[in-house]
Amino acid sequence: MPELPEVETVRRVLSRVLLGKKIVSAEFPADTIVQSKLPEGSLLSASLGATVTNVGRKGKYWWLELDRKPWVFGHLGMAGWIREIGQDSIRLREHGNAPFDDENGRPRFLKMMLEAEDGGRVVMTDGRRLARLWLAADSASGLPKLGPDMLHEPWSAEDLAKRLAGRSAPVKALLLDQTLFCGVGNWIADEVLYQAGISPRRPAGELSLEELGRLMASLSVILSLAVEVGADSGKYPNTWLFNSRWGGAKGQETLDGEAIIRETVGGRTTAWVPTRQV
């Protein structure tokens, strides 16, 4: 599922192609699920002819600020993606090896296509139809309740300790709480806990100040590097759990000779290495 680094990557694509430019062509193929039951044609009416004045992101949400209201908002769901036509793009694990375009050169599973006045084009695609597009007057009304974005507003260990005090839920579950750790998803949570040496089962309120400091330092390093390489997982360090955490036929049972455990923690599939995480 696209998490903060992936969504920041598509925000930068949208910004590079559309920022400061008029949208001269737009296409939103009918899809009442992805379009959040919007009236037919409303996305087209909102975007066509408008100039993009800013491209925003908070956590896993992105939006286009236009020179008129309403603005266009989106979430990539489990496998949605945004790319620039004619340019290379990374693939999510969920994409597999299927081609992005059909035999006629048209994007497969197209949900949005926007063309700027200089000819640049971006498309959003989603074969699973779990992505969402909607309209709102501004980011305050267009987004759900979210906590601080972990790329731009990381917690200090001291402030985090205050927020987690008395919490008995496993730390893995709270890392996925978007009102606390906006932008963190399943793979990042597992990676943070692995690199910080903390068991995902630990009650969050029992973590020491030193452990919370390690957790936030690990989160900062992971997010910074993942964003820097454009969420290209092939460029993540070989030492990351990411490269071994996936289950099934493609998964690995050990990491440097130590067993990887896969179990449900906080309602989500979790991969961790008990000999390294206490």
C-alpha atoms as a PDB file:
ATOM      1  CA  MET A   1       0.000   0.000   0.000  1.00  0.00           C
ATOM      2  CA  PRO A   2       1.368   3.455  -0.804  1.00  0.00           C
ATOM      3  CA  GLU A   3       2.622   5.133   2.359  1.00  0.00           C
ATOM      4  CA  LEU A   4       4.182   8.522   3.005  1.00  0.00           C
ATOM      5  CA  PRO A   5       7.273   8.091   0.751  1.00  0.00           C
ATOM      6  CA  GLU A   6       5.190   6.843  -2.170  1.00  0.00           C
ATOM      7  CA  VAL A   7       2.609   9.606  -1.804  1.00  0.00           C
ATOM      8  CA  GLU A   8       5.319  12.252  -1.487  1.00  0.00           C
ATOM      9  CA  THR A   9       6.787  10.845  -4.711  1.00  0.00           C
ATOM     10  CA  VAL A  10       3.511  11.272  -6.592  1.00  0.00           C
ATOM     11  CA  ARG A  11       3.074  14.740  -5.068  1.00  0.00           C
ATOM     12  CA  ARG A  12       6.396  15.701  -6.602  1.00  0.00           C
ATOM     13  CA  VAL A  13       5.332  14.254  -9.953  1.00  0.00           C
ATOM     14  CA  LEU A  14       2.109  16.274  -9.858  1.00  0.00           C
ATOM     15  CA  SER A  15       4.035  19.380  -8.873  1.00  0.00           C
ATOM     16  CA  ARG A  16       6.635  18.970 -11.608  1.00  0.00           C
ATOM     17  CA  VAL A  17       4.043  18.514 -14.336  1.00  0.00           C
ATOM     18  CA  LEU A  18       1.188  20.767 -13.213  1.00  0.00           C
ATOM     19  CA  LEU A  19       2.325  23.460 -10.806  1.00  0.00           C
ATOM     20  CA  GLY A  20       1.710  26.974 -12.107  1.00  0.00           C
ATOM     21  CA  LYS A  21       0.079  25.667 -15.285  1.00  0.00           C
ATOM     22  CA  LYS A  22      -3.431  25.590 -16.677  1.00  0.00           C
ATOM     23  CA  ILE A  23      -5.142  22.231 -17.113  1.00  0.00           C
ATOM     24  CA  VAL A  24      -6.199  22.185 -20.766  1.00  0.00           C
ATOM     25  CA  SER A  25      -7.481  18.621 -20.936  1.00  0.00           C
ATOM     26  CA  ALA A  26      -8.922  16.348 -18.274  1.00  0.00           C
ATOM     27  CA  GLU A  27     -10.432  12.882 -18.176  1.00  0.00           C
ATOM     28  CA  PHE A  28     -12.094  11.063 -15.289  1.00  0.00           C
ATOM     29  CA  PRO A  29     -13.608   7.785 -16.548  1.00  0.00           C
ATOM     30  CA  ALA A  30     -16.888   7.050 -14.792  1.00  0.00           C
ATOM     31  CA  ASP A  31     -16.355   5.153 -11.546  1.00  0.00           C
ATOM     32  CA  THR A  32     -18.783   5.790  -8.713  1.00  0.00           C
ATOM     33  CA  ILE A  33     -16.531   3.964  -6.233  1.00  0.00           C
ATOM     34  CA  VAL A  34     -13.263   5.793  -6.918  1.00  0.00           C
ATOM     35  CA  GLN A  35     -15.080   9.109  -7.388  1.00  0.00           C
ATOM     36  CA  SER A  36     -16.707   8.855  -3.969  1.00  0.00           C
ATOM     37  CA  LYS A  37     -20.232   9.098  -5.480  1.00  0.00           C
ATOM     38  CA  LEU A  38     -19.592  12.602  -6.806  1.00  0.00           C
ATOM     39  CA  PRO A  39     -22.113  13.974  -9.301  1.00  0.00           C
ATOM     40  CA  GLU A  40     -21.164  12.946 -12.826  1.00  0.00           C
ATOM     41  CA  GLY A  41     -18.806  15.442 -14.444  1.00  0.00           C
ATOM     42  CA  SER A  42     -17.980  17.343 -11.257  1.00  0.00           C
ATOM     43  CA  LEU A  43     -14.285  16.447 -11.270  1.00  0.00           C
ATOM     44  CA  LEU A  44     -14.028  17.476 -14.902  1.00  0.00           C
ATOM     45  CA  SER A  45     -15.793  20.777 -14.253  1.00  0.00           C
ATOM     46  CA  ALA A  46     -13.575  21.547 -11.277  1.00  0.00           C
ATOM     47  CA  SER A  47     -10.259  20.881 -13.013  1.00  0.00           C
ATOM     48  CA  LEU A  48     -10.646  21.738 -16.704  1.00  0.00           C
ATOM     49  CA  GLY A  49      -9.369  25.252 -17.372  1.00  0.00           C
ATOM     50  CA  ALA A  50      -8.125  25.763 -13.823  1.00  0.00           C
ATOM     51  CA  THR A  51      -4.538  26.677 -12.946  1.00  0.00           C
ATOM     52  CA  VAL A  52      -2.735  24.612 -10.319  1.00  0.00           C
ATOM     53  CA  THR A  53      -1.403  26.979  -7.654  1.00  0.00           C
ATOM     54  CA  ASN A  54      -0.049  24.358  -5.248  1.00  0.00           C
ATOM     55  CA  VAL A  55       0.190  20.595  -4.781  1.00  0.00           C
ATOM     56  CA  GLY A  56      -0.319  19.492  -1.201  1.00  0.00           C
ATOM     57  CA  ARG A  57       0.223  16.331   0.796  1.00  0.00           C
ATOM     58  CA  LYS A  58      -0.412  15.292   4.357  1.00  0.00           C
ATOM     59  CA  GLY A  59       0.294  11.729   5.358  1.00  0.00           C
ATOM     60  CA  LYS A  60      -1.133   9.507   2.646  1.00  0.00           C
ATOM     61  CA  TYR A  61      -3.416  12.175   1.143  1.00  0.00           C
ATOM     62  CA  TRP A  62      -2.639  14.515  -1.770  1.00  0.00           C
ATOM     63  CA  TRP A  63      -4.517  17.420  -3.311  1.00  0.00           C
ATOM     64  CA  LEU A  64      -4.399  19.996  -6.092  1.00  0.00           C
ATOM     65  CA  GLU A  65      -4.966  23.594  -5.036  1.00  0.00           C
ATOM     66  CA  LEU A  66      -6.563  25.446  -7.946  1.00  0.00           C
ATOM     67  CA  ASP A  67      -7.131  29.121  -8.728  1.00  0.00           C
ATOM     68  CA  ARG A  68     -10.808  28.522  -8.036  1.00  0.00           C
ATOM     69  CA  LYS A  69     -12.891  26.297  -5.764  1.00  0.00           C
ATOM     70  CA  PRO A  70     -13.370  23.422  -5.242  1.00  0.00           C
ATOM     71  CA  TRP A  71      -9.992  21.679  -5.182  1.00  0.00           C
ATOM     72  CA  VAL A  72      -9.266  18.073  -6.194  1.00  0.00           C
ATOM     73  CA  PHE A  73      -8.274  15.605  -3.449  1.00  0.00           C
ATOM     74  CA  GLY A  74      -7.085  12.025  -3.633  1.00  0.00           C
ATOM     75  CA  HIS A  75      -5.927   8.897  -1.809  1.00  0.00           C
ATOM     76  CA  LEU A  76      -4.117   6.060  -3.560  1.00  0.00           C
ATOM     77  CA  GLY A  77      -5.751   3.226  -1.629  1.00  0.00           C
ATOM     78  CA  MET A  78      -3.928  -0.112  -1.806  1.00  0.00           C
ATOM     79  CA  ALA A  79      -2.519  -0.029  -5.330  1.00  0.00           C
ATOM     80  CA  GLY A  80      -3.334   3.314  -6.924  1.00  0.00           C
ATOM     81  CA  TRP A  81      -0.512   5.182  -8.609  1.00  0.00           C
ATOM     82  CA  ILE A  82       0.222   8.501 -10.317  1.00  0.00           C
ATOM     83  CA  ARG A  83       2.870   8.858 -13.014  1.00  0.00           C
ATOM     84  CA  GLU A  84       3.899  11.197 -15.780  1.00  0.00           C
ATOM     85  CA  ILE A  85       3.198   9.977 -19.292  1.00  0.00           C
ATOM     86  CA  GLY A  86       6.395   9.450 -21.249  1.00  0.00           C
ATOM     87  CA  GLN A  87       8.630   9.196 -18.172  1.00  0.00           C
ATOM     88  CA  ASP A  88       9.928   6.205 -16.236  1.00  0.00           C
ATOM     89  CA  SER A  89       8.076   5.287 -13.072  1.00  0.00           C
ATOM     90  CA  ILE A  90       8.684   2.977 -10.164  1.00  0.00           C
ATOM     91  CA  ARG A  91       6.296   0.104  -9.538  1.00  0.00           C
ATOM     92  CA  LEU A  92       4.580  -0.819  -6.334  1.00  0.00           C
ATOM     93  CA  ARG A  93       4.758  -4.444  -5.247  1.00  0.00           C
ATOM     94  CA  GLU A  94       1.016  -4.654  -5.964  1.00  0.00           C
ATOM     95  CA  HIS A  95       1.595  -3.769  -9.628  1.00  0.00           C
ATOM     96  CA  GLY A  96       3.557  -6.925 -10.428  1.00  0.00           C
ATOM     97  CA  ASN A  97       5.039  -6.982 -13.914  1.00  0.00           C
ATOM     98  CA  ALA A  98       1.908  -6.138 -15.899  1.00  0.00           C
ATOM     99  CA  PRO A  99       2.412  -3.295 -18.400  1.00  0.00           C
ATOM    100  CA  PHE A 100       1.183   0.165 -17.420  1.00  0.00           C
ATOM    101  CA  ASP A 101      -0.445   0.655 -20.850  1.00  0.00           C
ATOM    102  CA  ASP A 102      -2.639  -1.514 -23.071  1.00  0.00           C
ATOM    103  CA  GLU A 103      -1.850  -2.550 -26.651  1.00  0.00           C
ATOM    104  CA  ASN A 104      -3.095   0.835 -27.895  1.00  0.00           C
ATOM    105  CA  GLY A 105      -0.828   2.780 -25.555  1.00  0.00           C
ATOM    106  CA  ARG A 106      -3.660   3.848 -23.272  1.00  0.00           C
ATOM    107  CA  PRO A 107      -3.091   3.617 -19.496  1.00  0.00           C
ATOM    108  CA  ARG A 108      -4.702   0.522 -18.025  1.00  0.00           C
ATOM    109  CA  PHE A 109      -7.202   1.060 -15.174  1.00  0.00           C
ATOM    110  CA  LEU A 110      -7.293   4.807 -15.843  1.00  0.00           C
ATOM    111  CA  LYS A 111      -9.014   6.914 -13.164  1.00  0.00           C
ATOM    112  CA  MET A 112      -7.662  10.389 -13.947  1.00  0.00           C
ATOM    113  CA  MET A 113      -5.713  12.052 -16.746  1.00  0.00           C
ATOM    114  CA  LEU A 114      -4.680  15.712 -16.624  1.00  0.00           C
ATOM    115  CA  GLU A 115      -2.819  17.602 -19.338  1.00  0.00           C
ATOM    116  CA  ALA A 116      -1.039  20.899 -18.689  1.00  0.00           C
ATOM    117  CA  GLU A 117      -0.817  23.751 -21.157  1.00  0.00           C
ATOM    118  CA  ASP A 118       2.760  22.775 -22.099  1.00  0.00           C
ATOM    119  CA  GLY A 119       1.694  19.229 -23.031  1.00  0.00           C
ATOM    120  CA  GLY A 120       2.803  17.446 -19.856  1.00  0.00           C
ATOM    121  CA  ARG A 121       0.379  14.738 -18.761  1.00  0.00           C
ATOM    122  CA  VAL A 122      -0.165  12.841 -15.528  1.00  0.00           C
ATOM    123  CA  VAL A 123      -2.401   9.833 -14.978  1.00  0.00           C
ATOM    124  CA  MET A 124      -3.790   8.074 -11.936  1.00  0.00           C
ATOM    125  CA  THR A 125      -4.484   4.367 -12.337  1.00  0.00           C
ATOM    126  CA  ASP A 126      -5.875   1.746  -9.982  1.00  0.00           C
ATOM    127  CA  GLY A 127      -6.712  -1.834 -10.892  1.00  0.00           C
ATOM    128  CA  ARG A 128      -8.245  -2.563  -7.491  1.00  0.00           C
ATOM    129  CA  ARG A 129     -10.558   0.485  -7.342  1.00  0.00           C
ATOM    130  CA  LEU A 130      -9.598   1.266  -3.749  1.00  0.00           C
ATOM    131  CA  ALA A 131      -8.217   4.717  -4.572  1.00  0.00           C
ATOM    132  CA  ARG A 132     -10.467   7.719  -4.038  1.00  0.00           C
ATOM    133  CA  LEU A 133     -10.995  11.126  -5.661  1.00  0.00           C
ATOM    134  CA  TRP A 134     -13.159  13.880  -4.190  1.00  0.00           C
ATOM    135  CA  LEU A 135     -13.687  17.640  -4.094  1.00  0.00           C
ATOM    136  CA  ALA A 136     -13.510  20.128  -1.228  1.00  0.00           C
ATOM    137  CA  ALA A 137     -13.116  23.856  -0.706  1.00  0.00           C
ATOM    138  CA  ASP A 138      -9.808  23.562   1.142  1.00  0.00           C
ATOM    139  CA  SER A 139      -7.565  21.164   3.052  1.00  0.00           C
ATOM    140  CA  ALA A 140      -9.347  21.827   6.349  1.00  0.00           C
ATOM    141  CA  SER A 141     -12.632  20.508   4.984  1.00  0.00           C
ATOM    142  CA  GLY A 142     -11.136  18.022   2.505  1.00  0.00           C
ATOM    143  CA  LEU A 143      -9.119  15.858   4.884  1.00  0.00           C
ATOM    144  CA  PRO A 144     -10.096  13.618   7.801  1.00  0.00           C
ATOM    145  CA  LYS A 145      -8.709  14.244  11.275  1.00  0.00           C
ATOM    146  CA  LEU A 146      -4.968  13.665  11.028  1.00  0.00           C
ATOM    147  CA  GLY A 147      -2.049  14.014  13.387  1.00  0.00           C
ATOM    148  CA  PRO A 148       1.292  15.611  12.560  1.00  0.00           C
ATOM    149  CA  ASP A 149       2.874  14.584   9.272  1.00  0.00           C
ATOM    150  CA  MET A 150       5.875  12.467  10.199  1.00  0.00           C
ATOM    151  CA  LEU A 151       8.117  13.873   7.465  1.00  0.00           C
ATOM    152  CA  HIS A 152       7.566  17.518   8.361  1.00  0.00           C
ATOM    153  CA  GLU A 153       6.402  17.453  12.004  1.00  0.00           C
ATOM    154  CA  PRO A 154       8.098  14.548  13.799  1.00  0.00           C
ATOM    155  CA  TRP A 155       7.464  14.025  17.488  1.00  0.00           C
ATOM    156  CA  SER A 156      10.150  14.729  20.047  1.00  0.00           C
ATOM    157  CA  ALA A 157      10.692  11.792  22.376  1.00  0.00           C
ATOM    158  CA  GLU A 158       9.442  13.881  25.289  1.00  0.00           C
ATOM    159  CA  ASP A 159       6.199  14.941  23.613  1.00  0.00           C
ATOM    160  CA  LEU A 160       5.603  11.431  22.334  1.00  0.00           C
ATOM    161  CA  ALA A 161       6.054  10.013  25.812  1.00  0.00           C
ATOM    162  CA  LYS A 162       3.312  12.324  27.056  1.00  0.00           C
ATOM    163  CA  ARG A 163       0.938  11.250  24.276  1.00  0.00           C
ATOM    164  CA  LEU A 164       1.563   7.544  24.840  1.00  0.00           C
ATOM    165  CA  ALA A 165       1.516   7.610  28.639  1.00  0.00           C
ATOM    166  CA  GLY A 166      -0.832   4.975  29.999  1.00  0.00           C
ATOM    167  CA  ARG A 167      -1.562   3.466  26.595  1.00  0.00           C
ATOM    168  CA  SER A 168      -1.710  -0.329  26.778  1.00  0.00           C
ATOM    169  CA  ALA A 169      -2.157  -0.953  23.039  1.00  0.00           C
ATOM    170  CA  PRO A 170       0.836  -2.534  21.283  1.00  0.00           C
ATOM    171  CA  VAL A 171       3.201   0.030  19.826  1.00  0.00           C
ATOM    172  CA  LYS A 172       2.702  -1.450  16.350  1.00  0.00           C
ATOM    173  CA  ALA A 173      -1.006  -0.569  16.487  1.00  0.00           C
ATOM    174  CA  LEU A 174      -0.362   3.017  17.565  1.00  0.00           C
ATOM    175  CA  LEU A 175       2.261   3.537  14.869  1.00  0.00           C
ATOM    176  CA  LEU A 176      -0.541   2.922  12.371  1.00  0.00           C
ATOM    177  CA  ASP A 177      -2.868   5.461  14.038  1.00  0.00           C
ATOM    178  CA  GLN A 178      -3.018   8.373  11.591  1.00  0.00           C
ATOM    179  CA  THR A 179      -4.003  10.765  14.362  1.00  0.00           C
ATOM    180  CA  LEU A 180      -0.615  10.064  15.960  1.00  0.00           C
ATOM    181  CA  PHE A 181       1.765   9.044  13.159  1.00  0.00           C
ATOM    182  CA  CYS A 182       0.333  10.543   9.995  1.00  0.00           C
ATOM    183  CA  GLY A 183       1.769   8.845   6.910  1.00  0.00           C
ATOM    184  CA  VAL A 184       3.071   5.699   8.602  1.00  0.00           C
ATOM    185  CA  GLY A 185       1.734   2.433   7.198  1.00  0.00           C
ATOM    186  CA  ASN A 186       2.439  -1.236   7.704  1.00  0.00           C
ATOM    187  CA  TRP A 187       5.854  -1.616   6.098  1.00  0.00           C
ATOM    188  CA  ILE A 188       7.219   1.578   7.644  1.00  0.00           C
ATOM    189  CA  ALA A 189       5.952   0.600  11.100  1.00  0.00           C
ATOM    190  CA  ASP A 190       7.662  -2.786  10.865  1.00  0.00           C
ATOM    191  CA  GLU A 191      10.869  -1.204   9.585  1.00  0.00           C
ATOM    192  CA  VAL A 192      10.930   1.427  12.331  1.00  0.00           C
ATOM    193  CA  LEU A 193      10.467  -1.143  15.081  1.00  0.00           C
ATOM    194  CA  TYR A 194      13.091  -3.437  13.569  1.00  0.00           C
ATOM    195  CA  GLN A 195      15.680  -0.693  13.280  1.00  0.00           C
ATOM    196  CA  ALA A 196      14.866   0.644  16.751  1.00  0.00           C
ATOM    197  CA  GLY A 197      15.096  -2.847  18.277  1.00  0.00           C
ATOM    198  CA  ILE A 198      11.590  -2.713  19.754  1.00  0.00           C
ATOM    199  CA  SER A 199       9.082  -5.560  19.790  1.00  0.00           C
ATOM    200  CA  PRO A 200       5.804  -4.684  18.031  1.00  0.00           C
ATOM    201  CA  ARG A 201       3.943  -6.309  20.928  1.00  0.00           C
ATOM    202  CA  ARG A 202       5.255  -3.902  23.557  1.00  0.00           C
ATOM    203  CA  PRO A 203       2.577  -1.770  25.256  1.00  0.00           C
ATOM    204  CA  ALA A 204       3.205   1.722  23.887  1.00  0.00           C
ATOM    205  CA  GLY A 205       2.907   3.400  27.275  1.00  0.00           C
ATOM    206  CA  GLU A 206       5.717   1.264  28.714  1.00  0.00           C
ATOM    207  CA  LEU A 207       8.394   2.413  26.274  1.00  0.00           C
ATOM    208  CA  SER A 208      11.210   4.369  27.884  1.00  0.00           C
ATOM    209  CA  LEU A 209      12.256   7.837  26.787  1.00  0.00           C
ATOM    210  CA  GLU A 210      15.422   6.320  25.326  1.00  0.00           C
ATOM    211  CA  GLU A 211      13.407   3.774  23.331  1.00  0.00           C
ATOM    212  CA  LEU A 212      11.068   6.466  22.022  1.00  0.00           C
ATOM    213  CA  GLY A 213      14.107   8.474  20.966  1.00  0.00           C
ATOM    214  CA  ARG A 214      15.406   5.463  19.019  1.00  0.00           C
ATOM    215  CA  LEU A 215      11.993   4.952  17.458  1.00  0.00           C
ATOM    216  CA  MET A 216      11.744   8.534  16.201  1.00  0.00           C
ATOM    217  CA  ALA A 217      15.359   8.593  15.014  1.00  0.00           C
ATOM    218  CA  SER A 218      14.749   5.414  13.006  1.00  0.00           C
ATOM    219  CA  LEU A 219      11.543   6.839  11.561  1.00  0.00           C
ATOM    220  CA  SER A 220      13.353   9.999  10.459  1.00  0.00           C
ATOM    221  CA  VAL A 221      16.121   8.058   8.708  1.00  0.00           C
ATOM    222  CA  ILE A 222      13.690   5.694   6.974  1.00  0.00           C
ATOM    223  CA  LEU A 223      11.382   8.432   5.694  1.00  0.00           C
ATOM    224  CA  SER A 224      14.224  10.700   4.576  1.00  0.00           C
ATOM    225  CA  LEU A 225      15.983   7.991   2.615  1.00  0.00           C
ATOM    226  CA  ALA A 226      12.806   6.559   1.073  1.00  0.00           C
ATOM    227  CA  VAL A 227      11.705  10.018  -0.082  1.00  0.00           C
ATOM    228  CA  GLU A 228      15.193  10.849  -1.372  1.00  0.00           C
ATOM    229  CA  VAL A 229      15.206   7.817  -3.704  1.00  0.00           C
ATOM    230  CA  GLY A 230      11.658   8.452  -4.909  1.00  0.00           C
ATOM    231  CA  ALA A 231      10.210   5.459  -3.035  1.00  0.00           C
ATOM    232  CA  ASP A 232      12.236   3.133  -5.293  1.00  0.00           C
ATOM    233  CA  SER A 233      12.454   0.057  -3.062  1.00  0.00           C
ATOM    234  CA  GLY A 234      15.289  -1.314  -5.193  1.00  0.00           C
ATOM    235  CA  LYS A 235      17.442   1.454  -3.721  1.00  0.00           C
ATOM    236  CA  TYR A 236      16.659   0.720  -0.078  1.00  0.00           C
ATOM    237  CA  PRO A 237      19.645  -0.562   1.942  1.00  0.00           C
ATOM    238  CA  ASN A 238      20.199  -4.322   1.973  1.00  0.00           C
ATOM    239  CA  THR A 239      20.145  -4.170   5.755  1.00  0.00           C
ATOM    240  CA  TRP A 240      16.479  -3.108   5.851  1.00  0.00           C
ATOM    241  CA  LEU A 241      13.829  -5.593   6.948  1.00  0.00           C
ATOM    242  CA  PHE A 242      11.814  -4.366   3.952  1.00  0.00           C
ATOM    243  CA  ASN A 243      13.810  -6.638   1.659  1.00  0.00           C
ATOM    244  CA  SER A 244      12.887  -9.751   3.655  1.00  0.00           C
ATOM    245  CA  ARG A 245       9.601  -8.990   5.414  1.00  0.00           C
ATOM    246  CA  TRP A 246       7.113 -10.167   2.788  1.00  0.00           C
ATOM    247  CA  GLY A 247       5.447 -13.507   3.308  1.00  0.00           C
ATOM    248  CA  GLY A 248       4.401 -16.163   0.820  1.00  0.00           C
ATOM    249  CA  ALA A 249       6.584 -17.692  -1.856  1.00  0.00           C
ATOM    250  CA  LYS A 250       8.635 -14.489  -2.215  1.00  0.00           C
ATOM    251  CA  GLY A 251       9.301 -14.138   1.493  1.00  0.00           C
ATOM    252  CA  GLN A 252      12.370 -15.097   3.458  1.00  0.00           C
ATOM    253  CA  GLU A 253      12.340 -17.061   6.694  1.00  0.00           C
ATOM    254  CA  THR A 254      15.486 -15.527   8.161  1.00  0.00           C
ATOM    255  CA  LEU A 255      17.461 -12.300   8.140  1.00  0.00           C
ATOM    256  CA  ASP A 256      21.196 -12.774   8.644  1.00  0.00           C
ATOM    257  CA  GLY A 257      20.413 -16.182  10.093  1.00  0.00           C
ATOM    258  CA  GLU A 258      17.816 -14.942  12.579  1.00  0.00           C
ATOM    259  CA  ALA A 259      14.175 -16.001  12.288  1.00  0.00           C
ATOM    260  CA  ILE A 260      11.562 -13.604  10.908  1.00  0.00           C
ATOM    261  CA  ILE A 261       8.211 -14.024  12.628  1.00  0.00           C
ATOM    262  CA  ARG A 262       5.018 -13.089  10.816  1.00  0.00           C
ATOM    263  CA  GLU A 263       1.931 -12.699  12.952  1.00  0.00           C
ATOM    264  CA  THR A 264      -1.028 -10.397  13.533  1.00  0.00           C
ATOM    265  CA  VAL A 265      -0.313  -7.547  15.936  1.00  0.00           C
ATOM    266  CA  GLY A 266      -2.769  -4.726  16.410  1.00  0.00           C
ATOM    267  CA  GLY A 267      -4.985  -6.217  13.709  1.00  0.00           C
ATOM    268  CA  ARG A 268      -2.292  -6.076  11.013  1.00  0.00           C
ATOM    269  CA  THR A 269       0.154  -8.614   9.591  1.00  0.00           C
ATOM    270  CA  THR A 270       3.483  -7.889  11.219  1.00  0.00           C
ATOM    271  CA  ALA A 271       6.995  -9.075  10.409  1.00  0.00           C
ATOM    272  CA  TRP A 272       9.677  -8.854  13.089  1.00  0.00           C
ATOM    273  CA  VAL A 273      12.829 -10.501  14.388  1.00  0.00           C
ATOM    274  CA  PRO A 274      12.406 -11.447  18.062  1.00  0.00           C
ATOM    275  CA  THR A 275      16.139 -11.960  18.634  1.00  0.00           C
ATOM    276  CA  ARG A 276      16.736  -8.308  17.712  1.00  0.00           C
ATOM    277  CA  GLN A 277      13.552  -6.673  19.007  1.00  0.00           C
ATOM    278  CA  VAL A 278      12.745  -6.704  22.701  1.00  0.00           C
END
